[in-house]
PDB file of N, CA and C in Angstrom:
ATOM      1  N   MET A   1       0.311 -13.691  -1.726  1.00  0.00           N
ATOM      2  CA  MET A   1      -0.070 -12.286  -1.627  1.00  0.00           C
ATOM      3  C   MET A   1      -1.185 -12.169  -0.597  1.00  0.00           C
ATOM      4  N   ASN A   2      -0.926 -11.413   0.427  1.00  0.00           N
ATOM      5  CA  ASN A   2      -1.875 -11.268   1.513  1.00  0.00           C
ATOM      6  C   ASN A   2      -2.558  -9.907   1.509  1.00  0.00           C
ATOM      7  N   GLU A   3      -2.139  -9.034   0.616  1.00  0.00           N
ATOM      8  CA  GLU A   3      -2.651  -7.671   0.598  1.00  0.00           C
ATOM      9  C   GLU A   3      -4.069  -7.644   0.037  1.00  0.00           C
ATOM     10  N   ASN A   4      -4.927  -6.861   0.651  1.00  0.00           N
ATOM     11  CA  ASN A   4      -6.315  -6.716   0.229  1.00  0.00           C
ATOM     12  C   ASN A   4      -6.388  -6.073  -1.153  1.00  0.00           C
ATOM     13  N   ILE A   5      -7.297  -6.557  -1.986  1.00  0.00           N
ATOM     14  CA  ILE A   5      -7.440  -6.054  -3.354  1.00  0.00           C
ATOM     15  C   ILE A   5      -7.780  -4.562  -3.369  1.00  0.00           C
ATOM     16  N   ASN A   6      -8.534  -4.100  -2.361  1.00  0.00           N
ATOM     17  CA  ASN A   6      -8.855  -2.669  -2.279  1.00  0.00           C
ATOM     18  C   ASN A   6      -7.590  -1.841  -2.151  1.00  0.00           C
ATOM     19  N   LEU A   7      -6.710  -2.267  -1.272  1.00  0.00           N
ATOM     20  CA  LEU A   7      -5.472  -1.529  -1.035  1.00  0.00           C
ATOM     21  C   LEU A   7      -4.564  -1.578  -2.261  1.00  0.00           C
ATOM     22  N   ILE A   8      -4.533  -2.711  -2.932  1.00  0.00           N
ATOM     23  CA  ILE A   8      -3.750  -2.838  -4.166  1.00  0.00           C
ATOM     24  C   ILE A   8      -4.257  -1.840  -5.203  1.00  0.00           C
ATOM     25  N   MET A   9      -5.579  -1.790  -5.370  1.00  0.00           N
ATOM     26  CA  MET A   9      -6.157  -0.875  -6.347  1.00  0.00           C
ATOM     27  C   MET A   9      -5.891   0.578  -5.945  1.00  0.00           C
ATOM     28  N   TYR A  10      -6.055   0.884  -4.671  1.00  0.00           N
ATOM     29  CA  TYR A  10      -5.795   2.245  -4.189  1.00  0.00           C
ATOM     30  C   TYR A  10      -4.353   2.659  -4.493  1.00  0.00           C
ATOM     31  N   LYS A  11      -3.413   1.802  -4.147  1.00  0.00           N
ATOM     32  CA  LYS A  11      -1.994   2.113  -4.375  1.00  0.00           C
ATOM     33  C   LYS A  11      -1.701   2.297  -5.867  1.00  0.00           C
ATOM     34  N   ASN A  12      -2.301   1.456  -6.700  1.00  0.00           N
ATOM     35  CA  ASN A  12      -2.069   1.566  -8.142  1.00  0.00           C
ATOM     36  C   ASN A  12      -2.686   2.835  -8.718  1.00  0.00           C
ATOM     37  N   ILE A  13      -3.860   3.206  -8.241  1.00  0.00           N
ATOM     38  CA  ILE A  13      -4.475   4.462  -8.695  1.00  0.00           C
ATOM     39  C   ILE A  13      -3.555   5.625  -8.350  1.00  0.00           C
ATOM     40  N   LYS A  14      -3.088   5.658  -7.111  1.00  0.00           N
ATOM     41  CA  LYS A  14      -2.207   6.739  -6.679  1.00  0.00           C
ATOM     42  C   LYS A  14      -0.901   6.737  -7.481  1.00  0.00           C
ATOM     43  N   LEU A  15      -0.366   5.557  -7.771  1.00  0.00           N
ATOM     44  CA  LEU A  15       0.863   5.443  -8.547  1.00  0.00           C
ATOM     45  C   LEU A  15       0.670   5.972  -9.971  1.00  0.00           C
ATOM     46  N   PHE A  16      -0.440   5.570 -10.617  1.00  0.00           N
ATOM     47  CA  PHE A  16      -0.706   6.062 -11.973  1.00  0.00           C
ATOM     48  C   PHE A  16      -0.935   7.572 -11.963  1.00  0.00           C
ATOM     49  N   MET A  17      -1.635   8.066 -10.937  1.00  0.00           N
ATOM     50  CA  MET A  17      -1.852   9.510 -10.842  1.00  0.00           C
ATOM     51  C   MET A  17      -0.512  10.238 -10.729  1.00  0.00           C
ATOM     52  N   LYS A  18       0.381   9.720  -9.915  1.00  0.00           N
ATOM     53  CA  LYS A  18       1.692  10.342  -9.735  1.00  0.00           C
ATOM     54  C   LYS A  18       2.505  10.285 -11.026  1.00  0.00           C
ATOM     55  N   ASN A  19       2.569   9.092 -11.629  1.00  0.00           N
ATOM     56  CA  ASN A  19       3.372   8.913 -12.845  1.00  0.00           C
ATOM     57  C   ASN A  19       2.857   9.738 -14.019  1.00  0.00           C
ATOM     58  N   LYS A  20       1.533   9.911 -14.089  1.00  0.00           N
ATOM     59  CA  LYS A  20       0.935  10.664 -15.198  1.00  0.00           C
ATOM     60  C   LYS A  20       0.696  12.132 -14.830  1.00  0.00           C
ATOM     61  N   LYS A  21       1.102  12.479 -13.592  1.00  0.00           N
ATOM     62  CA  LYS A  21       0.944  13.851 -13.101  1.00  0.00           C
ATOM     63  C   LYS A  21      -0.513  14.318 -13.195  1.00  0.00           C
ATOM     64  N   ILE A  22      -1.411  13.456 -12.730  1.00  0.00           N
ATOM     65  CA  ILE A  22      -2.840  13.757 -12.722  1.00  0.00           C
ATOM     66  C   ILE A  22      -3.249  14.076 -11.285  1.00  0.00           C
ATOM     67  N   LYS A  23      -3.844  15.218 -11.081  1.00  0.00           N
ATOM     68  CA  LYS A  23      -4.351  15.617  -9.765  1.00  0.00           C
ATOM     69  C   LYS A  23      -5.763  15.051  -9.584  1.00  0.00           C
ATOM     70  N   GLN A  24      -6.208  14.994  -8.328  1.00  0.00           N
ATOM     71  CA  GLN A  24      -7.548  14.470  -8.053  1.00  0.00           C
ATOM     72  C   GLN A  24      -8.615  15.244  -8.822  1.00  0.00           C
ATOM     73  N   LYS A  25      -8.469  16.552  -8.886  1.00  0.00           N
ATOM     74  CA  LYS A  25      -9.459  17.365  -9.596  1.00  0.00           C
ATOM     75  C   LYS A  25      -9.548  16.955 -11.067  1.00  0.00           C
ATOM     76  N   GLU A  26      -8.384  16.743 -11.698  1.00  0.00           N
ATOM     77  CA  GLU A  26      -8.357  16.339 -13.106  1.00  0.00           C
ATOM     78  C   GLU A  26      -8.991  14.962 -13.295  1.00  0.00           C
ATOM     79  N   LEU A  27      -8.654  14.025 -12.407  1.00  0.00           N
ATOM     80  CA  LEU A  27      -9.233  12.687 -12.515  1.00  0.00           C
ATOM     81  C   LEU A  27     -10.738  12.753 -12.310  1.00  0.00           C
ATOM     82  N   GLY A  28     -11.173  13.565 -11.359  1.00  0.00           N
ATOM     83  CA  GLY A  28     -12.611  13.745 -11.132  1.00  0.00           C
ATOM     84  C   GLY A  28     -13.310  14.253 -12.378  1.00  0.00           C
ATOM     85  N   GLU A  29     -12.678  15.193 -13.069  1.00  0.00           N
ATOM     86  CA  GLU A  29     -13.258  15.726 -14.306  1.00  0.00           C
ATOM     87  C   GLU A  29     -13.355  14.634 -15.372  1.00  0.00           C
ATOM     88  N   LYS A  30     -12.321  13.804 -15.475  1.00  0.00           N
ATOM     89  CA  LYS A  30     -12.357  12.708 -16.455  1.00  0.00           C
ATOM     90  C   LYS A  30     -13.443  11.700 -16.112  1.00  0.00           C
ATOM     91  N   LEU A  31     -13.678  11.501 -14.811  1.00  0.00           N
ATOM     92  CA  LEU A  31     -14.707  10.563 -14.370  1.00  0.00           C
ATOM     93  C   LEU A  31     -16.084  11.220 -14.302  1.00  0.00           C
ATOM     94  N   GLU A  32     -16.110  12.537 -14.562  1.00  0.00           N
ATOM     95  CA  GLU A  32     -17.327  13.338 -14.509  1.00  0.00           C
ATOM     96  C   GLU A  32     -17.963  13.308 -13.122  1.00  0.00           C
ATOM     97  N   ILE A  33     -17.103  13.426 -12.094  1.00  0.00           N
ATOM     98  CA  ILE A  33     -17.562  13.536 -10.714  1.00  0.00           C
ATOM     99  C   ILE A  33     -16.775  14.652 -10.036  1.00  0.00           C
ATOM    100  N   LYS A  34     -17.332  15.189  -8.962  1.00  0.00           N
ATOM    101  CA  LYS A  34     -16.643  16.234  -8.217  1.00  0.00           C
ATOM    102  C   LYS A  34     -15.434  15.652  -7.510  1.00  0.00           C
ATOM    103  N   GLN A  35     -14.454  16.521  -7.254  1.00  0.00           N
ATOM    104  CA  GLN A  35     -13.242  16.098  -6.575  1.00  0.00           C
ATOM    105  C   GLN A  35     -13.565  15.530  -5.201  1.00  0.00           C
ATOM    106  N   SER A  36     -14.566  16.088  -4.524  1.00  0.00           N
ATOM    107  CA  SER A  36     -14.944  15.592  -3.190  1.00  0.00           C
ATOM    108  C   SER A  36     -15.508  14.173  -3.262  1.00  0.00           C
ATOM    109  N   VAL A  37     -16.254  13.878  -4.319  1.00  0.00           N
ATOM    110  CA  VAL A  37     -16.794  12.524  -4.508  1.00  0.00           C
ATOM    111  C   VAL A  37     -15.653  11.554  -4.789  1.00  0.00           C
ATOM    112  N   LEU A  38     -14.704  11.969  -5.622  1.00  0.00           N
ATOM    113  CA  LEU A  38     -13.539  11.144  -5.916  1.00  0.00           C
ATOM    114  C   LEU A  38     -12.746  10.866  -4.642  1.00  0.00           C
ATOM    115  N   SER A  39     -12.567  11.889  -3.839  1.00  0.00           N
ATOM    116  CA  SER A  39     -11.841  11.734  -2.582  1.00  0.00           C
ATOM    117  C   SER A  39     -12.520  10.697  -1.689  1.00  0.00           C
ATOM    118  N   ASN A  40     -13.841  10.735  -1.632  1.00  0.00           N
ATOM    119  CA  ASN A  40     -14.593   9.748  -0.837  1.00  0.00           C
ATOM    120  C   ASN A  40     -14.426   8.340  -1.398  1.00  0.00           C
ATOM    121  N   LYS A  41     -14.443   8.217  -2.721  1.00  0.00           N
ATOM    122  CA  LYS A  41     -14.258   6.900  -3.343  1.00  0.00           C
ATOM    123  C   LYS A  41     -12.873   6.338  -3.005  1.00  0.00           C
ATOM    124  N   LEU A  42     -11.865   7.193  -3.085  1.00  0.00           N
ATOM    125  CA  LEU A  42     -10.509   6.753  -2.775  1.00  0.00           C
ATOM    126  C   LEU A  42     -10.385   6.372  -1.300  1.00  0.00           C
ATOM    127  N   ARG A  43     -11.033   7.132  -0.431  1.00  0.00           N
ATOM    128  CA  ARG A  43     -10.998   6.821   0.995  1.00  0.00           C
ATOM    129  C   ARG A  43     -11.655   5.472   1.272  1.00  0.00           C
ATOM    130  N   ARG A  44     -12.760   5.207   0.598  1.00  0.00           N
ATOM    131  CA  ARG A  44     -13.467   3.920   0.789  1.00  0.00           C
ATOM    132  C   ARG A  44     -12.629   2.753   0.281  1.00  0.00           C
ATOM    133  N   LEU A  45     -11.811   2.983  -0.744  1.00  0.00           N
ATOM    134  CA  LEU A  45     -10.955   1.915  -1.256  1.00  0.00           C
ATOM    135  C   LEU A  45      -9.960   1.420  -0.213  1.00  0.00           C
ATOM    136  N   ARG A  46      -9.579   2.289   0.702  1.00  0.00           N
ATOM    137  CA  ARG A  46      -8.617   1.889   1.732  1.00  0.00           C
ATOM    138  C   ARG A  46      -9.255   1.004   2.794  1.00  0.00           C
ATOM    139  N   ASN A  47     -10.584   0.909   2.771  1.00  0.00           N
ATOM    140  CA  ASN A  47     -11.301   0.074   3.726  1.00  0.00           C
ATOM    141  C   ASN A  47     -11.442  -1.338   3.153  1.00  0.00           C
ATOM    142  N   PRO A  48     -10.858  -2.349   3.799  1.00  0.00           N
ATOM    143  CA  PRO A  48     -10.919  -3.710   3.260  1.00  0.00           C
ATOM    144  C   PRO A  48     -12.341  -4.295   3.232  1.00  0.00           C
ATOM    145  N   GLU A  49     -13.259  -3.666   3.955  1.00  0.00           N
ATOM    146  CA  GLU A  49     -14.640  -4.156   3.979  1.00  0.00           C
ATOM    147  C   GLU A  49     -15.469  -3.610   2.810  1.00  0.00           C
ATOM    148  N   THR A  50     -14.953  -2.628   2.106  1.00  0.00           N
ATOM    149  CA  THR A  50     -15.667  -2.034   0.980  1.00  0.00           C
ATOM    150  C   THR A  50     -15.661  -2.982  -0.211  1.00  0.00           C
ATOM    151  N   THR A  51     -16.794  -3.114  -0.855  1.00  0.00           N
ATOM    152  CA  THR A  51     -16.902  -3.942  -2.051  1.00  0.00           C
ATOM    153  C   THR A  51     -16.603  -3.091  -3.278  1.00  0.00           C
ATOM    154  N   ILE A  52     -15.709  -3.583  -4.115  1.00  0.00           N
ATOM    155  CA  ILE A  52     -15.370  -2.891  -5.358  1.00  0.00           C
ATOM    156  C   ILE A  52     -16.133  -3.565  -6.488  1.00  0.00           C
ATOM    157  N   THR A  53     -16.832  -2.758  -7.286  1.00  0.00           N
ATOM    158  CA  THR A  53     -17.556  -3.316  -8.420  1.00  0.00           C
ATOM    159  C   THR A  53     -16.682  -3.267  -9.672  1.00  0.00           C
ATOM    160  N   LEU A  54     -17.030  -4.083 -10.634  1.00  0.00           N
ATOM    161  CA  LEU A  54     -16.326  -4.046 -11.921  1.00  0.00           C
ATOM    162  C   LEU A  54     -16.491  -2.681 -12.580  1.00  0.00           C
ATOM    163  N   LYS A  55     -17.645  -2.071 -12.376  1.00  0.00           N
ATOM    164  CA  LYS A  55     -17.898  -0.743 -12.935  1.00  0.00           C
ATOM    165  C   LYS A  55     -16.906   0.273 -12.367  1.00  0.00           C
ATOM    166  N   THR A  56     -16.666   0.213 -11.061  1.00  0.00           N
ATOM    167  CA  THR A  56     -15.720   1.131 -10.425  1.00  0.00           C
ATOM    168  C   THR A  56     -14.317   0.936 -10.977  1.00  0.00           C
ATOM    169  N   ILE A  57     -13.910  -0.316 -11.111  1.00  0.00           N
ATOM    170  CA  ILE A  57     -12.583  -0.616 -11.655  1.00  0.00           C
ATOM    171  C   ILE A  57     -12.473  -0.061 -13.073  1.00  0.00           C
ATOM    172  N   ALA A  58     -13.495  -0.298 -13.893  1.00  0.00           N
ATOM    173  CA  ALA A  58     -13.487   0.170 -15.283  1.00  0.00           C
ATOM    174  C   ALA A  58     -13.468   1.694 -15.354  1.00  0.00           C
ATOM    175  N   GLU A  59     -14.226   2.353 -14.485  1.00  0.00           N
ATOM    176  CA  GLU A  59     -14.258   3.817 -14.495  1.00  0.00           C
ATOM    177  C   GLU A  59     -12.893   4.404 -14.146  1.00  0.00           C
ATOM    178  N   PHE A  60     -12.274   3.901 -13.092  1.00  0.00           N
ATOM    179  CA  PHE A  60     -10.958   4.395 -12.720  1.00  0.00           C
ATOM    180  C   PHE A  60      -9.945   4.126 -13.831  1.00  0.00           C
ATOM    181  N   ALA A  61      -9.986   2.946 -14.415  1.00  0.00           N
ATOM    182  CA  ALA A  61      -9.055   2.601 -15.491  1.00  0.00           C
ATOM    183  C   ALA A  61      -9.227   3.558 -16.669  1.00  0.00           C
ATOM    184  N   HIS A  62     -10.471   3.799 -17.058  1.00  0.00           N
ATOM    185  CA  HIS A  62     -10.747   4.707 -18.168  1.00  0.00           C
ATOM    186  C   HIS A  62     -10.224   6.114 -17.857  1.00  0.00           C
ATOM    187  N   GLY A  63     -10.506   6.601 -16.657  1.00  0.00           N
ATOM    188  CA  GLY A  63     -10.070   7.936 -16.257  1.00  0.00           C
ATOM    189  C   GLY A  63      -8.560   8.085 -16.250  1.00  0.00           C
ATOM    190  N   LEU A  64      -7.868   6.999 -15.932  1.00  0.00           N
ATOM    191  CA  LEU A  64      -6.407   7.033 -15.875  1.00  0.00           C
ATOM    192  C   LEU A  64      -5.754   6.638 -17.197  1.00  0.00           C
ATOM    193  N   GLY A  65      -6.563   6.166 -18.159  1.00  0.00           N
ATOM    194  CA  GLY A  65      -6.016   5.761 -19.454  1.00  0.00           C
ATOM    195  C   GLY A  65      -5.221   4.477 -19.388  1.00  0.00           C
ATOM    196  N   VAL A  66      -5.655   3.548 -18.530  1.00  0.00           N
ATOM    197  CA  VAL A  66      -4.978   2.258 -18.387  1.00  0.00           C
ATOM    198  C   VAL A  66      -6.008   1.134 -18.530  1.00  0.00           C
ATOM    199  N   GLU A  67      -5.520  -0.074 -18.636  1.00  0.00           N
ATOM    200  CA  GLU A  67      -6.403  -1.234 -18.686  1.00  0.00           C
ATOM    201  C   GLU A  67      -6.841  -1.584 -17.254  1.00  0.00           C
ATOM    202  N   PRO A  68      -8.064  -2.079 -17.073  1.00  0.00           N
ATOM    203  CA  PRO A  68      -8.541  -2.411 -15.726  1.00  0.00           C
ATOM    204  C   PRO A  68      -7.615  -3.333 -14.950  1.00  0.00           C
ATOM    205  N   TRP A  69      -7.048  -4.330 -15.618  1.00  0.00           N
ATOM    206  CA  TRP A  69      -6.190  -5.285 -14.914  1.00  0.00           C
ATOM    207  C   TRP A  69      -4.957  -4.610 -14.320  1.00  0.00           C
ATOM    208  N   GLU A  70      -4.546  -3.476 -14.927  1.00  0.00           N
ATOM    209  CA  GLU A  70      -3.364  -2.790 -14.416  1.00  0.00           C
ATOM    210  C   GLU A  70      -3.592  -2.200 -13.028  1.00  0.00           C
ATOM    211  N   LEU A  71      -4.834  -1.956 -12.682  1.00  0.00           N
ATOM    212  CA  LEU A  71      -5.138  -1.435 -11.344  1.00  0.00           C
ATOM    213  C   LEU A  71      -5.121  -2.534 -10.288  1.00  0.00           C
ATOM    214  N   LEU A  72      -5.134  -3.795 -10.731  1.00  0.00           N
ATOM    215  CA  LEU A  72      -5.272  -4.912  -9.794  1.00  0.00           C
ATOM    216  C   LEU A  72      -4.006  -5.743  -9.645  1.00  0.00           C
ATOM    217  N   LYS A  73      -2.944  -5.395 -10.351  1.00  0.00           N
ATOM    218  CA  LYS A  73      -1.731  -6.215 -10.296  1.00  0.00           C
ATOM    219  C   LYS A  73      -0.803  -5.795  -9.172  1.00  0.00           C
TER     220      LYS A  73
END
Protein backbone atom coordinates (compact mmCIF):
# COMPACT_ATOMS: atom_id res chain seq x y z
CA MET A 1 0.00 0.00 0.00
CA ASN A 2 1.59 3.20 -1.17
CA GLU A 3 -1.29 5.57 -0.47
CA ASN A 4 -0.73 8.26 2.16
CA ILE A 5 -2.64 7.73 5.42
CA ASN A 6 -4.07 11.27 5.16
CA LEU A 7 -5.64 10.49 1.81
CA ILE A 8 -6.97 7.16 3.07
CA MET A 9 -8.62 8.89 6.02
CA TYR A 10 -10.00 11.67 3.80
CA LYS A 11 -11.52 9.16 1.36
CA ASN A 12 -13.03 7.13 4.20
CA ILE A 13 -14.54 10.21 5.85
CA LYS A 14 -16.12 11.21 2.55
CA LEU A 15 -17.35 7.63 1.98
CA PHE A 16 -18.96 7.42 5.44
CA MET A 17 -20.52 10.86 4.94
CA LYS A 18 -21.99 9.72 1.62
CA ASN A 19 -23.20 6.35 2.91
CA LYS A 20 -24.77 7.89 6.03
CA LYS A 21 -26.09 10.89 4.09
CA ILE A 22 -24.30 13.32 6.40
CA LYS A 23 -23.56 16.81 5.05
CA GLN A 24 -20.53 18.82 6.14
CA LYS A 25 -22.74 21.14 8.17
CA GLU A 26 -24.23 18.19 10.08
CA LEU A 27 -20.82 16.65 10.74
CA GLY A 28 -19.54 20.04 11.90
CA GLU A 29 -22.43 20.25 14.36
CA LYS A 30 -21.62 16.77 15.70
CA LEU A 31 -17.98 17.80 16.09
CA GLU A 32 -19.09 21.12 17.60
CA ILE A 33 -17.18 23.14 14.99
CA LYS A 34 -18.29 25.45 12.21
CA GLN A 35 -18.70 24.03 8.73
CA SER A 36 -15.88 26.31 7.52
CA VAL A 37 -13.51 24.87 10.13
CA LEU A 38 -14.50 21.34 9.12
CA SER A 39 -13.90 22.21 5.48
CA ASN A 40 -10.39 23.42 6.36
CA LYS A 41 -9.68 20.24 8.32
CA LEU A 42 -10.77 18.10 5.38
CA ARG A 43 -8.67 20.18 2.99
CA ARG A 44 -5.60 19.74 5.20
CA LEU A 45 -6.16 15.97 5.24
CA ARG A 46 -5.52 15.89 1.50
CA ASN A 47 -2.04 17.29 2.13
CA PRO A 48 0.42 14.41 2.71
CA GLU A 49 2.62 16.74 4.78
CA THR A 50 -0.12 17.35 7.36
CA THR A 51 0.24 15.49 10.64
CA ILE A 52 -2.88 13.70 11.84
CA THR A 53 -3.27 13.36 15.59
CA LEU A 54 -5.03 10.53 17.37
CA LYS A 55 -7.42 13.15 18.73
CA THR A 56 -8.41 14.17 15.19
CA ILE A 57 -8.99 10.56 14.18
CA ALA A 58 -11.10 9.95 17.30
CA GLU A 59 -13.13 13.13 16.77
CA PHE A 60 -13.97 12.29 13.17
CA ALA A 61 -14.82 8.70 14.11
CA HIS A 62 -17.12 9.86 16.91
CA GLY A 63 -18.84 12.40 14.64
CA LEU A 64 -19.43 9.75 12.00
CA GLY A 65 -20.48 7.04 14.48
CA VAL A 66 -17.70 4.65 13.47
CA GLU A 67 -14.65 3.14 15.13
CA PRO A 68 -11.37 5.06 14.60
CA TRP A 69 -9.72 2.14 12.80
CA GLU A 70 -12.48 2.24 10.19
CA LEU A 71 -11.20 5.61 9.00
CA LEU A 72 -7.71 4.17 8.44
CA LYS A 73 -8.41 0.93 6.57
